[in-house]
Amino acid sequence: MSSEPVSIRILVVDDHPVVRQGIAVLVGTQPDMTLVAEASNGREAIQQFRAHRPDVTVMDLQMPEMSGLDALIAIRGEFPNARIIVLTTYAGDVQILRALKSGAQGYLLKNTFHKDLLDTIRAVHAGKKSLSPEVSYEIAEHSTDDALTPAEVSVLKLIAAGNANKQIADQLSITEDTVKWRVKNILSKLGAHDRTHAAMIGLKRGIIQM
């Protein structure tokens, strides 16, 4: 009897053709994997998933038209057993946890995908969760941090956009004293030296996005 390996059918979603091509070359060298479809944004990802029902989807997060996170949520809502690996340049712990809570089974950084992607695809196909060491470190590093409240996140977004306290107060329909109090809490929770540093930390950790 022949014992041919079962081919893992893969969908790749990324808005950069070079990344898709790199994954296609990598997958093409493996006897137990087949690239069945590609997509360049979240909307295409949903369409291609419906058309091909891949075993494993490799998905970027930051894409035009529809983000990878929104596509992940939509696909998992329609196909609860969908197995999705996030492949991104972003290592922020808040963004990682958001993706995992939305149903991602794997999370890899693009600077390590040549080393880790094939093993991660096999692990996720086998029903396991797989995170790169850098991703696990980010989650562990901030596991005991106090999370910003939604109100504080709103203020941090406006800080990152360059607004002064009075402008933030006007836009959120709150007093300037309330803004100052929230800024003080934000700096304390993030361990930031000042407003600019807080905005940088917020972007790095995926608390806010520009």
N, C-alpha and C. Protein backbone atom coordinates (compact mmCIF):
# COMPACT_ATOMS: atom_id res chain seq x y z
N MET A 1 0.85 -1.20 0.00
CA MET A 1 0.00 0.00 0.00
C MET A 1 0.88 1.25 0.00
N SER A 2 0.44 2.25 -0.77
CA SER A 2 1.21 3.49 -0.81
C SER A 2 0.89 4.34 0.41
N SER A 3 1.91 4.98 0.98
CA SER A 3 1.68 5.83 2.14
C SER A 3 2.11 7.26 1.81
N GLU A 4 1.49 7.81 0.77
CA GLU A 4 1.78 9.19 0.35
C GLU A 4 1.37 10.15 1.46
N PRO A 5 2.20 11.17 1.76
CA PRO A 5 1.80 12.13 2.79
C PRO A 5 0.57 12.93 2.35
N VAL A 6 -0.29 13.23 3.31
CA VAL A 6 -1.47 14.05 3.01
C VAL A 6 -0.99 15.47 2.74
N SER A 7 -1.44 16.04 1.63
CA SER A 7 -1.00 17.39 1.28
C SER A 7 -1.82 18.43 2.04
N ILE A 8 -1.13 19.32 2.74
CA ILE A 8 -1.80 20.41 3.47
C ILE A 8 -2.08 21.53 2.48
N ARG A 9 -3.35 21.87 2.32
CA ARG A 9 -3.76 22.88 1.33
C ARG A 9 -3.72 24.25 1.99
N ILE A 10 -2.99 25.18 1.36
CA ILE A 10 -2.67 26.46 2.00
C ILE A 10 -3.18 27.65 1.18
N LEU A 11 -3.76 28.62 1.90
CA LEU A 11 -4.13 29.92 1.34
C LEU A 11 -3.19 30.96 1.95
N VAL A 12 -2.59 31.81 1.11
CA VAL A 12 -1.69 32.86 1.58
C VAL A 12 -2.33 34.23 1.32
N VAL A 13 -2.37 35.06 2.37
CA VAL A 13 -3.00 36.38 2.25
C VAL A 13 -2.01 37.46 2.69
N ASP A 14 -1.58 38.30 1.74
CA ASP A 14 -0.66 39.39 2.05
C ASP A 14 -0.73 40.40 0.91
N ASP A 15 -0.67 41.69 1.24
CA ASP A 15 -0.78 42.70 0.18
C ASP A 15 0.55 42.93 -0.54
N HIS A 16 1.62 42.27 -0.09
CA HIS A 16 2.92 42.41 -0.76
C HIS A 16 3.20 41.18 -1.62
N PRO A 17 3.25 41.33 -2.96
CA PRO A 17 3.50 40.18 -3.85
C PRO A 17 4.80 39.45 -3.52
N VAL A 18 5.83 40.19 -3.06
CA VAL A 18 7.12 39.56 -2.76
C VAL A 18 6.98 38.57 -1.61
N VAL A 19 6.18 38.93 -0.60
CA VAL A 19 5.96 38.03 0.54
C VAL A 19 5.21 36.78 0.07
N ARG A 20 4.16 36.99 -0.73
CA ARG A 20 3.38 35.84 -1.24
C ARG A 20 4.28 34.93 -2.07
N GLN A 21 5.15 35.54 -2.90
CA GLN A 21 6.05 34.75 -3.73
C GLN A 21 7.04 33.96 -2.87
N GLY A 22 7.55 34.60 -1.82
CA GLY A 22 8.50 33.93 -0.93
C GLY A 22 7.87 32.72 -0.26
N ILE A 23 6.62 32.86 0.18
CA ILE A 23 5.92 31.74 0.82
C ILE A 23 5.63 30.65 -0.21
N ALA A 24 5.25 31.07 -1.42
CA ALA A 24 4.96 30.09 -2.48
C ALA A 24 6.19 29.24 -2.78
N VAL A 25 7.37 29.88 -2.85
CA VAL A 25 8.61 29.15 -3.12
C VAL A 25 8.90 28.17 -1.98
N LEU A 26 8.74 28.66 -0.76
CA LEU A 26 9.00 27.83 0.43
C LEU A 26 8.07 26.60 0.45
N VAL A 27 6.79 26.86 0.27
CA VAL A 27 5.79 25.78 0.28
C VAL A 27 6.01 24.81 -0.88
N GLY A 28 6.43 25.35 -2.03
CA GLY A 28 6.62 24.53 -3.22
C GLY A 28 7.71 23.48 -3.09
N THR A 29 8.58 23.65 -2.09
CA THR A 29 9.66 22.67 -1.89
C THR A 29 9.22 21.51 -0.98
N GLN A 30 8.00 21.60 -0.44
CA GLN A 30 7.55 20.60 0.53
C GLN A 30 6.60 19.57 -0.09
N PRO A 31 6.89 18.28 0.04
CA PRO A 31 6.03 17.26 -0.57
C PRO A 31 4.67 17.14 0.11
N ASP A 32 4.54 17.66 1.35
CA ASP A 32 3.27 17.52 2.06
C ASP A 32 2.46 18.81 2.08
N MET A 33 2.80 19.78 1.20
CA MET A 33 2.06 21.06 1.17
C MET A 33 1.74 21.47 -0.26
N THR A 34 0.58 22.13 -0.42
CA THR A 34 0.19 22.67 -1.72
C THR A 34 -0.40 24.05 -1.52
N LEU A 35 0.08 25.03 -2.29
CA LEU A 35 -0.51 26.37 -2.25
C LEU A 35 -1.72 26.38 -3.18
N VAL A 36 -2.93 26.54 -2.62
CA VAL A 36 -4.14 26.44 -3.45
C VAL A 36 -4.67 27.80 -3.89
N ALA A 37 -4.30 28.89 -3.16
CA ALA A 37 -4.82 30.21 -3.53
C ALA A 37 -4.04 31.30 -2.82
N GLU A 38 -4.14 32.52 -3.41
CA GLU A 38 -3.53 33.70 -2.81
C GLU A 38 -4.57 34.82 -2.77
N ALA A 39 -4.37 35.77 -1.84
CA ALA A 39 -5.23 36.95 -1.76
C ALA A 39 -4.39 38.13 -1.32
N SER A 40 -4.80 39.36 -1.69
CA SER A 40 -4.00 40.54 -1.37
C SER A 40 -4.67 41.45 -0.34
N ASN A 41 -5.87 41.10 0.11
CA ASN A 41 -6.52 41.86 1.19
C ASN A 41 -7.56 40.98 1.87
N GLY A 42 -8.16 41.50 2.93
CA GLY A 42 -9.09 40.71 3.72
C GLY A 42 -10.32 40.25 2.96
N ARG A 43 -10.85 41.12 2.09
CA ARG A 43 -12.06 40.74 1.33
C ARG A 43 -11.77 39.58 0.39
N GLU A 44 -10.64 39.68 -0.30
CA GLU A 44 -10.24 38.58 -1.18
C GLU A 44 -10.02 37.29 -0.38
N ALA A 45 -9.48 37.44 0.83
CA ALA A 45 -9.21 36.27 1.67
C ALA A 45 -10.48 35.50 1.96
N ILE A 46 -11.55 36.22 2.29
CA ILE A 46 -12.83 35.57 2.58
C ILE A 46 -13.35 34.85 1.34
N GLN A 47 -13.27 35.53 0.19
CA GLN A 47 -13.74 34.92 -1.07
C GLN A 47 -12.94 33.65 -1.40
N GLN A 48 -11.62 33.75 -1.28
CA GLN A 48 -10.77 32.61 -1.61
C GLN A 48 -10.96 31.47 -0.62
N PHE A 49 -11.21 31.81 0.64
CA PHE A 49 -11.44 30.76 1.63
C PHE A 49 -12.72 30.00 1.28
N ARG A 50 -13.77 30.75 0.95
CA ARG A 50 -15.04 30.10 0.58
C ARG A 50 -14.86 29.20 -0.64
N ALA A 51 -14.06 29.67 -1.59
CA ALA A 51 -13.90 28.93 -2.86
C ALA A 51 -13.04 27.68 -2.68
N HIS A 52 -12.02 27.75 -1.82
CA HIS A 52 -11.03 26.65 -1.76
C HIS A 52 -11.04 25.85 -0.46
N ARG A 53 -11.63 26.40 0.61
CA ARG A 53 -11.65 25.72 1.92
C ARG A 53 -10.27 25.16 2.27
N PRO A 54 -9.26 26.00 2.38
CA PRO A 54 -7.89 25.52 2.67
C PRO A 54 -7.80 24.89 4.06
N ASP A 55 -6.80 24.04 4.24
CA ASP A 55 -6.55 23.45 5.56
C ASP A 55 -5.94 24.48 6.51
N VAL A 56 -5.05 25.30 5.95
CA VAL A 56 -4.36 26.32 6.77
C VAL A 56 -4.29 27.62 5.96
N THR A 57 -4.58 28.74 6.62
CA THR A 57 -4.46 30.06 5.99
C THR A 57 -3.35 30.84 6.69
N VAL A 58 -2.47 31.44 5.89
CA VAL A 58 -1.39 32.29 6.41
C VAL A 58 -1.78 33.74 6.08
N MET A 59 -2.00 34.56 7.12
CA MET A 59 -2.65 35.86 6.93
C MET A 59 -1.85 37.02 7.53
N ASP A 60 -1.62 38.05 6.71
CA ASP A 60 -1.04 39.30 7.20
C ASP A 60 -2.14 40.06 7.96
N LEU A 61 -1.74 40.98 8.84
CA LEU A 61 -2.74 41.76 9.58
C LEU A 61 -3.03 43.11 8.92
N GLN A 62 -1.99 43.83 8.54
CA GLN A 62 -2.15 45.19 8.01
C GLN A 62 -2.29 45.13 6.49
N MET A 63 -3.54 45.29 6.01
CA MET A 63 -3.79 45.24 4.56
C MET A 63 -4.84 46.28 4.18
N PRO A 64 -4.84 46.73 2.92
CA PRO A 64 -5.85 47.70 2.48
C PRO A 64 -7.22 47.05 2.36
N GLU A 65 -8.25 47.91 2.33
CA GLU A 65 -9.65 47.51 2.14
C GLU A 65 -10.24 46.80 3.35
N MET A 66 -9.59 45.72 3.80
CA MET A 66 -10.07 45.01 4.98
C MET A 66 -8.86 44.37 5.66
N SER A 67 -8.73 44.61 6.96
CA SER A 67 -7.55 44.10 7.67
C SER A 67 -7.60 42.59 7.83
N GLY A 68 -6.43 42.03 8.13
CA GLY A 68 -6.36 40.59 8.37
C GLY A 68 -7.16 40.18 9.59
N LEU A 69 -7.18 41.04 10.62
CA LEU A 69 -7.93 40.72 11.84
C LEU A 69 -9.43 40.63 11.53
N ASP A 70 -9.94 41.60 10.77
CA ASP A 70 -11.36 41.57 10.41
C ASP A 70 -11.69 40.35 9.54
N ALA A 71 -10.77 40.02 8.64
CA ALA A 71 -10.98 38.83 7.79
C ALA A 71 -10.94 37.56 8.63
N LEU A 72 -10.01 37.51 9.58
CA LEU A 72 -9.90 36.35 10.47
C LEU A 72 -11.22 36.14 11.23
N ILE A 73 -11.75 37.24 11.80
CA ILE A 73 -13.00 37.16 12.56
C ILE A 73 -14.15 36.70 11.66
N ALA A 74 -14.20 37.24 10.43
CA ALA A 74 -15.28 36.87 9.49
C ALA A 74 -15.18 35.40 9.08
N ILE A 75 -13.97 34.96 8.75
CA ILE A 75 -13.77 33.57 8.32
C ILE A 75 -14.10 32.60 9.46
N ARG A 76 -13.61 32.91 10.66
CA ARG A 76 -13.87 32.02 11.80
C ARG A 76 -15.35 32.03 12.18
N GLY A 77 -16.03 33.16 11.92
CA GLY A 77 -17.47 33.22 12.19
C GLY A 77 -18.25 32.31 11.25
N GLU A 78 -17.80 32.22 10.00
CA GLU A 78 -18.47 31.39 9.00
C GLU A 78 -17.97 29.95 9.03
N PHE A 79 -16.67 29.78 9.30
CA PHE A 79 -16.04 28.45 9.33
C PHE A 79 -15.29 28.31 10.66
N PRO A 80 -15.97 27.89 11.73
CA PRO A 80 -15.36 27.86 13.07
C PRO A 80 -14.11 26.99 13.17
N ASN A 81 -13.97 26.03 12.26
CA ASN A 81 -12.79 25.15 12.33
C ASN A 81 -11.62 25.64 11.49
N ALA A 82 -11.76 26.82 10.89
CA ALA A 82 -10.67 27.38 10.06
C ALA A 82 -9.40 27.53 10.89
N ARG A 83 -8.29 27.11 10.31
CA ARG A 83 -6.99 27.20 11.00
C ARG A 83 -6.18 28.31 10.35
N ILE A 84 -5.90 29.34 11.13
CA ILE A 84 -5.29 30.55 10.58
C ILE A 84 -4.03 30.92 11.36
N ILE A 85 -2.96 31.19 10.60
CA ILE A 85 -1.68 31.65 11.16
C ILE A 85 -1.52 33.12 10.78
N VAL A 86 -1.28 33.97 11.76
CA VAL A 86 -0.99 35.37 11.49
C VAL A 86 0.51 35.50 11.21
N LEU A 87 0.83 36.18 10.10
CA LEU A 87 2.23 36.44 9.74
C LEU A 87 2.36 37.95 9.54
N THR A 88 3.08 38.62 10.44
CA THR A 88 3.07 40.07 10.43
C THR A 88 4.41 40.64 10.88
N THR A 89 4.59 41.94 10.68
CA THR A 89 5.80 42.61 11.18
C THR A 89 5.56 43.12 12.60
N TYR A 90 4.32 43.04 13.09
CA TYR A 90 3.96 43.65 14.37
C TYR A 90 4.02 42.66 15.52
N ALA A 91 4.84 43.01 16.55
CA ALA A 91 5.01 42.11 17.69
C ALA A 91 4.37 42.68 18.96
N GLY A 92 3.45 43.63 18.83
CA GLY A 92 2.82 44.22 20.01
C GLY A 92 1.95 43.21 20.74
N ASP A 93 2.10 43.14 22.07
CA ASP A 93 1.38 42.10 22.83
C ASP A 93 -0.13 42.26 22.75
N VAL A 94 -0.63 43.50 22.71
CA VAL A 94 -2.08 43.70 22.67
C VAL A 94 -2.64 43.20 21.34
N GLN A 95 -1.90 43.49 20.27
CA GLN A 95 -2.34 43.01 18.95
C GLN A 95 -2.27 41.49 18.86
N ILE A 96 -1.23 40.89 19.43
CA ILE A 96 -1.09 39.43 19.43
C ILE A 96 -2.28 38.80 20.14
N LEU A 97 -2.59 39.29 21.34
CA LEU A 97 -3.70 38.73 22.12
C LEU A 97 -5.03 38.92 21.41
N ARG A 98 -5.18 40.06 20.74
CA ARG A 98 -6.42 40.32 19.98
C ARG A 98 -6.60 39.26 18.89
N ALA A 99 -5.51 38.95 18.19
CA ALA A 99 -5.58 37.95 17.11
C ALA A 99 -5.86 36.55 17.68
N LEU A 100 -5.19 36.21 18.79
CA LEU A 100 -5.38 34.88 19.38
C LEU A 100 -6.81 34.73 19.92
N LYS A 101 -7.32 35.79 20.55
CA LYS A 101 -8.70 35.73 21.07
C LYS A 101 -9.72 35.64 19.93
N SER A 102 -9.34 36.14 18.76
CA SER A 102 -10.24 36.08 17.60
C SER A 102 -10.16 34.73 16.87
N GLY A 103 -9.25 33.86 17.31
CA GLY A 103 -9.22 32.51 16.74
C GLY A 103 -7.97 32.12 16.00
N ALA A 104 -6.95 32.99 15.95
CA ALA A 104 -5.70 32.60 15.29
C ALA A 104 -5.03 31.48 16.09
N GLN A 105 -4.53 30.48 15.37
CA GLN A 105 -3.83 29.38 16.06
C GLN A 105 -2.31 29.52 16.02
N GLY A 106 -1.82 30.44 15.18
CA GLY A 106 -0.39 30.66 15.09
C GLY A 106 -0.11 32.14 14.92
N TYR A 107 1.06 32.60 15.38
CA TYR A 107 1.44 34.00 15.24
C TYR A 107 2.94 34.05 15.01
N LEU A 108 3.32 34.49 13.81
CA LEU A 108 4.74 34.55 13.42
C LEU A 108 5.11 35.96 12.96
N LEU A 109 6.37 36.31 13.17
CA LEU A 109 6.87 37.58 12.65
C LEU A 109 7.54 37.34 11.29
N LYS A 110 7.39 38.31 10.40
CA LYS A 110 7.89 38.13 9.03
C LYS A 110 9.41 37.97 8.98
N ASN A 111 10.11 38.53 9.96
CA ASN A 111 11.58 38.41 9.90
C ASN A 111 12.06 37.01 10.27
N THR A 112 11.14 36.13 10.71
CA THR A 112 11.57 34.76 11.05
C THR A 112 10.82 33.70 10.25
N PHE A 113 9.98 34.13 9.28
CA PHE A 113 9.09 33.13 8.67
C PHE A 113 9.84 32.07 7.86
N HIS A 114 11.00 32.42 7.28
CA HIS A 114 11.75 31.41 6.51
C HIS A 114 12.19 30.25 7.42
N LYS A 115 12.43 30.58 8.70
CA LYS A 115 12.91 29.58 9.65
C LYS A 115 11.76 28.78 10.28
N ASP A 116 10.63 29.47 10.55
CA ASP A 116 9.58 28.87 11.39
C ASP A 116 8.29 28.51 10.67
N LEU A 117 8.07 29.04 9.46
CA LEU A 117 6.74 28.91 8.85
C LEU A 117 6.32 27.47 8.61
N LEU A 118 7.19 26.66 8.03
CA LEU A 118 6.80 25.29 7.66
C LEU A 118 6.42 24.46 8.88
N ASP A 119 7.22 24.57 9.94
CA ASP A 119 6.89 23.84 11.18
C ASP A 119 5.59 24.35 11.79
N THR A 120 5.37 25.67 11.69
CA THR A 120 4.14 26.25 12.24
C THR A 120 2.92 25.76 11.46
N ILE A 121 3.03 25.70 10.13
CA ILE A 121 1.92 25.20 9.31
C ILE A 121 1.59 23.76 9.71
N ARG A 122 2.59 22.94 9.87
CA ARG A 122 2.35 21.53 10.24
C ARG A 122 1.72 21.42 11.64
N ALA A 123 2.22 22.25 12.57
CA ALA A 123 1.69 22.21 13.94
C ALA A 123 0.22 22.64 13.97
N VAL A 124 -0.09 23.74 13.28
CA VAL A 124 -1.46 24.24 13.26
C VAL A 124 -2.39 23.26 12.54
N HIS A 125 -1.90 22.66 11.47
CA HIS A 125 -2.70 21.66 10.74
C HIS A 125 -3.01 20.46 11.65
N ALA A 126 -2.09 20.17 12.57
CA ALA A 126 -2.28 19.05 13.51
C ALA A 126 -3.15 19.44 14.71
N GLY A 127 -3.63 20.70 14.71
CA GLY A 127 -4.52 21.13 15.78
C GLY A 127 -3.85 21.79 16.96
N LYS A 128 -2.55 22.12 16.81
CA LYS A 128 -1.82 22.75 17.91
C LYS A 128 -1.74 24.26 17.70
N LYS A 129 -1.49 24.98 18.81
CA LYS A 129 -1.20 26.41 18.71
C LYS A 129 0.30 26.58 18.58
N SER A 130 0.73 27.61 17.85
CA SER A 130 2.17 27.80 17.65
C SER A 130 2.50 29.29 17.61
N LEU A 131 3.37 29.72 18.53
CA LEU A 131 3.82 31.10 18.59
C LEU A 131 5.33 31.13 18.49
N SER A 132 5.88 32.10 17.76
CA SER A 132 7.34 32.22 17.71
C SER A 132 7.85 32.67 19.07
N PRO A 133 9.11 32.38 19.41
CA PRO A 133 9.65 32.77 20.72
C PRO A 133 9.52 34.26 21.01
N GLU A 134 9.71 35.10 19.97
CA GLU A 134 9.60 36.56 20.17
C GLU A 134 8.19 36.94 20.60
N VAL A 135 7.20 36.28 20.01
CA VAL A 135 5.80 36.56 20.31
C VAL A 135 5.46 36.12 21.74
N SER A 136 5.92 34.94 22.12
CA SER A 136 5.70 34.45 23.48
C SER A 136 6.33 35.41 24.50
N TYR A 137 7.52 35.92 24.17
CA TYR A 137 8.21 36.85 25.06
C TYR A 137 7.39 38.13 25.25
N GLU A 138 6.85 38.67 24.14
CA GLU A 138 6.06 39.91 24.22
C GLU A 138 4.86 39.72 25.14
N ILE A 139 4.17 38.58 25.00
CA ILE A 139 2.99 38.32 25.84
C ILE A 139 3.40 38.23 27.31
N ALA A 140 4.47 37.47 27.58
CA ALA A 140 4.93 37.29 28.96
C ALA A 140 5.39 38.60 29.58
N GLU A 141 6.06 39.42 28.77
CA GLU A 141 6.63 40.68 29.28
C GLU A 141 5.56 41.60 29.86
N HIS A 142 4.35 41.59 29.25
CA HIS A 142 3.30 42.53 29.67
C HIS A 142 2.12 41.83 30.35
N SER A 143 2.31 40.58 30.74
CA SER A 143 1.17 39.80 31.26
C SER A 143 0.60 40.38 32.55
N THR A 144 1.42 41.07 33.33
CA THR A 144 0.92 41.62 34.60
C THR A 144 0.66 43.12 34.53
N ASP A 145 0.79 43.72 33.35
CA ASP A 145 0.54 45.16 33.21
C ASP A 145 -0.95 45.48 33.39
N ASP A 146 -1.23 46.67 33.94
CA ASP A 146 -2.62 47.15 33.98
C ASP A 146 -3.01 47.59 32.57
N ALA A 147 -4.13 47.08 32.10
CA ALA A 147 -4.60 47.45 30.75
C ALA A 147 -5.21 48.84 30.78
N LEU A 148 -5.06 49.58 29.68
CA LEU A 148 -5.73 50.87 29.56
C LEU A 148 -7.23 50.64 29.41
N THR A 149 -8.00 51.53 29.99
CA THR A 149 -9.46 51.46 29.81
C THR A 149 -9.80 51.97 28.40
N PRO A 150 -11.00 51.65 27.89
CA PRO A 150 -11.39 52.20 26.57
C PRO A 150 -11.30 53.73 26.53
N ALA A 151 -11.66 54.39 27.63
CA ALA A 151 -11.60 55.86 27.68
C ALA A 151 -10.16 56.34 27.55
N GLU A 152 -9.23 55.63 28.20
CA GLU A 152 -7.81 56.00 28.13
C GLU A 152 -7.25 55.74 26.73
N VAL A 153 -7.70 54.65 26.10
CA VAL A 153 -7.26 54.35 24.73
C VAL A 153 -7.71 55.48 23.79
N SER A 154 -8.94 55.98 23.98
CA SER A 154 -9.44 57.08 23.15
C SER A 154 -8.55 58.31 23.27
N VAL A 155 -8.13 58.61 24.50
CA VAL A 155 -7.25 59.76 24.73
C VAL A 155 -5.88 59.51 24.09
N LEU A 156 -5.36 58.30 24.24
CA LEU A 156 -4.04 57.98 23.68
C LEU A 156 -4.05 58.11 22.16
N LYS A 157 -5.13 57.68 21.52
CA LYS A 157 -5.23 57.83 20.05
C LYS A 157 -5.12 59.30 19.65
N LEU A 158 -5.82 60.15 20.39
CA LEU A 158 -5.80 61.58 20.05
C LEU A 158 -4.46 62.22 20.38
N ILE A 159 -3.77 61.73 21.42
CA ILE A 159 -2.40 62.19 21.72
C ILE A 159 -1.49 61.84 20.54
N ALA A 160 -1.60 60.59 20.06
CA ALA A 160 -0.76 60.13 18.95
C ALA A 160 -1.02 60.93 17.68
N ALA A 161 -2.23 61.44 17.55
CA ALA A 161 -2.58 62.25 16.37
C ALA A 161 -2.14 63.71 16.52
N GLY A 162 -1.49 64.04 17.67
CA GLY A 162 -0.91 65.37 17.85
C GLY A 162 -1.81 66.39 18.51
N ASN A 163 -2.89 65.96 19.16
CA ASN A 163 -3.82 66.89 19.81
C ASN A 163 -3.35 67.30 21.20
N ALA A 164 -3.56 68.57 21.54
CA ALA A 164 -3.31 69.05 22.90
C ALA A 164 -4.50 68.69 23.79
N ASN A 165 -4.33 68.86 25.12
CA ASN A 165 -5.39 68.47 26.06
C ASN A 165 -6.73 69.15 25.76
N LYS A 166 -6.68 70.45 25.43
CA LYS A 166 -7.94 71.17 25.17
C LYS A 166 -8.65 70.60 23.94
N GLN A 167 -7.88 70.30 22.91
CA GLN A 167 -8.47 69.70 21.69
C GLN A 167 -9.07 68.33 21.99
N ILE A 168 -8.36 67.55 22.80
CA ILE A 168 -8.87 66.21 23.18
C ILE A 168 -10.17 66.36 23.95
N ALA A 169 -10.20 67.30 24.90
CA ALA A 169 -11.41 67.55 25.70
C ALA A 169 -12.59 67.91 24.80
N ASP A 170 -12.34 68.79 23.83
CA ASP A 170 -13.41 69.21 22.91
C ASP A 170 -13.91 68.03 22.07
N GLN A 171 -12.98 67.22 21.57
CA GLN A 171 -13.37 66.11 20.68
C GLN A 171 -14.12 65.00 21.43
N LEU A 172 -13.77 64.81 22.71
CA LEU A 172 -14.41 63.74 23.48
C LEU A 172 -15.56 64.25 24.35
N SER A 173 -15.79 65.56 24.31
CA SER A 173 -16.85 66.19 25.12
C SER A 173 -16.66 65.91 26.61
N ILE A 174 -15.43 66.09 27.08
CA ILE A 174 -15.12 65.94 28.50
C ILE A 174 -14.33 67.17 28.94
N THR A 175 -14.11 67.31 30.25
CA THR A 175 -13.36 68.49 30.73
C THR A 175 -11.86 68.29 30.53
N GLU A 176 -11.15 69.40 30.54
CA GLU A 176 -9.70 69.33 30.38
C GLU A 176 -9.06 68.63 31.58
N ASP A 177 -9.66 68.81 32.77
CA ASP A 177 -9.15 68.14 33.97
C ASP A 177 -9.26 66.61 33.83
N THR A 178 -10.36 66.16 33.22
CA THR A 178 -10.54 64.72 33.00
C THR A 178 -9.47 64.20 32.05
N VAL A 179 -9.17 64.98 31.02
CA VAL A 179 -8.11 64.59 30.07
C VAL A 179 -6.78 64.48 30.81
N LYS A 180 -6.47 65.47 31.65
CA LYS A 180 -5.19 65.46 32.39
C LYS A 180 -5.10 64.21 33.29
N TRP A 181 -6.20 63.87 33.93
CA TRP A 181 -6.23 62.70 34.81
C TRP A 181 -5.98 61.42 34.00
N ARG A 182 -6.62 61.34 32.84
CA ARG A 182 -6.45 60.14 31.99
C ARG A 182 -5.03 60.06 31.44
N VAL A 183 -4.45 61.20 31.08
CA VAL A 183 -3.07 61.22 30.59
C VAL A 183 -2.12 60.74 31.69
N LYS A 184 -2.37 61.19 32.91
CA LYS A 184 -1.54 60.76 34.05
C LYS A 184 -1.62 59.23 34.22
N ASN A 185 -2.83 58.68 34.13
CA ASN A 185 -3.01 57.22 34.25
C ASN A 185 -2.31 56.48 33.11
N ILE A 186 -2.42 57.03 31.90
CA ILE A 186 -1.80 56.41 30.72
C ILE A 186 -0.28 56.33 30.90
N LEU A 187 0.31 57.44 31.31
CA LEU A 187 1.77 57.47 31.49
C LEU A 187 2.20 56.46 32.55
N SER A 188 1.43 56.38 33.63
CA SER A 188 1.76 55.45 34.72
C SER A 188 1.64 53.99 34.26
N LYS A 189 0.54 53.65 33.60
CA LYS A 189 0.30 52.26 33.18
C LYS A 189 1.30 51.80 32.12
N LEU A 190 1.69 52.72 31.24
CA LEU A 190 2.61 52.34 30.15
C LEU A 190 4.08 52.50 30.55
N GLY A 191 4.33 53.11 31.71
CA GLY A 191 5.72 53.37 32.10
C GLY A 191 6.37 54.36 31.16
N ALA A 192 5.59 55.34 30.71
CA ALA A 192 6.08 56.31 29.72
C ALA A 192 6.60 57.58 30.39
N HIS A 193 7.63 58.19 29.78
CA HIS A 193 8.22 59.42 30.33
C HIS A 193 7.35 60.63 30.03
N ASP A 194 6.72 60.64 28.86
CA ASP A 194 5.92 61.78 28.45
C ASP A 194 4.89 61.33 27.42
N ARG A 195 4.13 62.29 26.90
CA ARG A 195 3.03 61.97 25.97
C ARG A 195 3.55 61.30 24.69
N THR A 196 4.64 61.83 24.14
CA THR A 196 5.19 61.26 22.90
C THR A 196 5.64 59.82 23.12
N HIS A 197 6.30 59.59 24.25
CA HIS A 197 6.75 58.24 24.59
C HIS A 197 5.55 57.30 24.75
N ALA A 198 4.47 57.79 25.37
CA ALA A 198 3.26 56.99 25.54
C ALA A 198 2.66 56.60 24.19
N ALA A 199 2.64 57.56 23.27
CA ALA A 199 2.10 57.26 21.93
C ALA A 199 2.96 56.21 21.22
N MET A 200 4.28 56.32 21.36
CA MET A 200 5.18 55.34 20.73
C MET A 200 4.96 53.94 21.31
N ILE A 201 4.82 53.85 22.65
CA ILE A 201 4.57 52.56 23.28
C ILE A 201 3.22 52.00 22.83
N GLY A 202 2.21 52.87 22.77
CA GLY A 202 0.88 52.43 22.34
C GLY A 202 0.88 51.84 20.94
N LEU A 203 1.64 52.47 20.04
CA LEU A 203 1.75 51.95 18.66
C LEU A 203 2.54 50.65 18.63
N LYS A 204 3.64 50.60 19.36
CA LYS A 204 4.50 49.41 19.36
C LYS A 204 3.76 48.19 19.90
N ARG A 205 2.96 48.39 20.96
CA ARG A 205 2.27 47.26 21.57
C ARG A 205 0.94 46.93 20.88
N GLY A 206 0.53 47.76 19.92
CA GLY A 206 -0.72 47.48 19.22
C GLY A 206 -1.96 47.94 19.98
N ILE A 207 -1.76 48.80 21.01
CA ILE A 207 -2.90 49.34 21.75
C ILE A 207 -3.68 50.29 20.86
N ILE A 208 -2.94 51.07 20.07
CA ILE A 208 -3.56 51.95 19.08
C ILE A 208 -2.90 51.69 17.72
N GLN A 209 -3.60 52.09 16.67
CA GLN A 209 -3.07 51.98 15.31
C GLN A 209 -3.33 53.27 14.57
N MET A 210 -2.37 53.66 13.76
CA MET A 210 -2.53 54.91 12.98
C MET A 210 -2.97 54.58 11.56
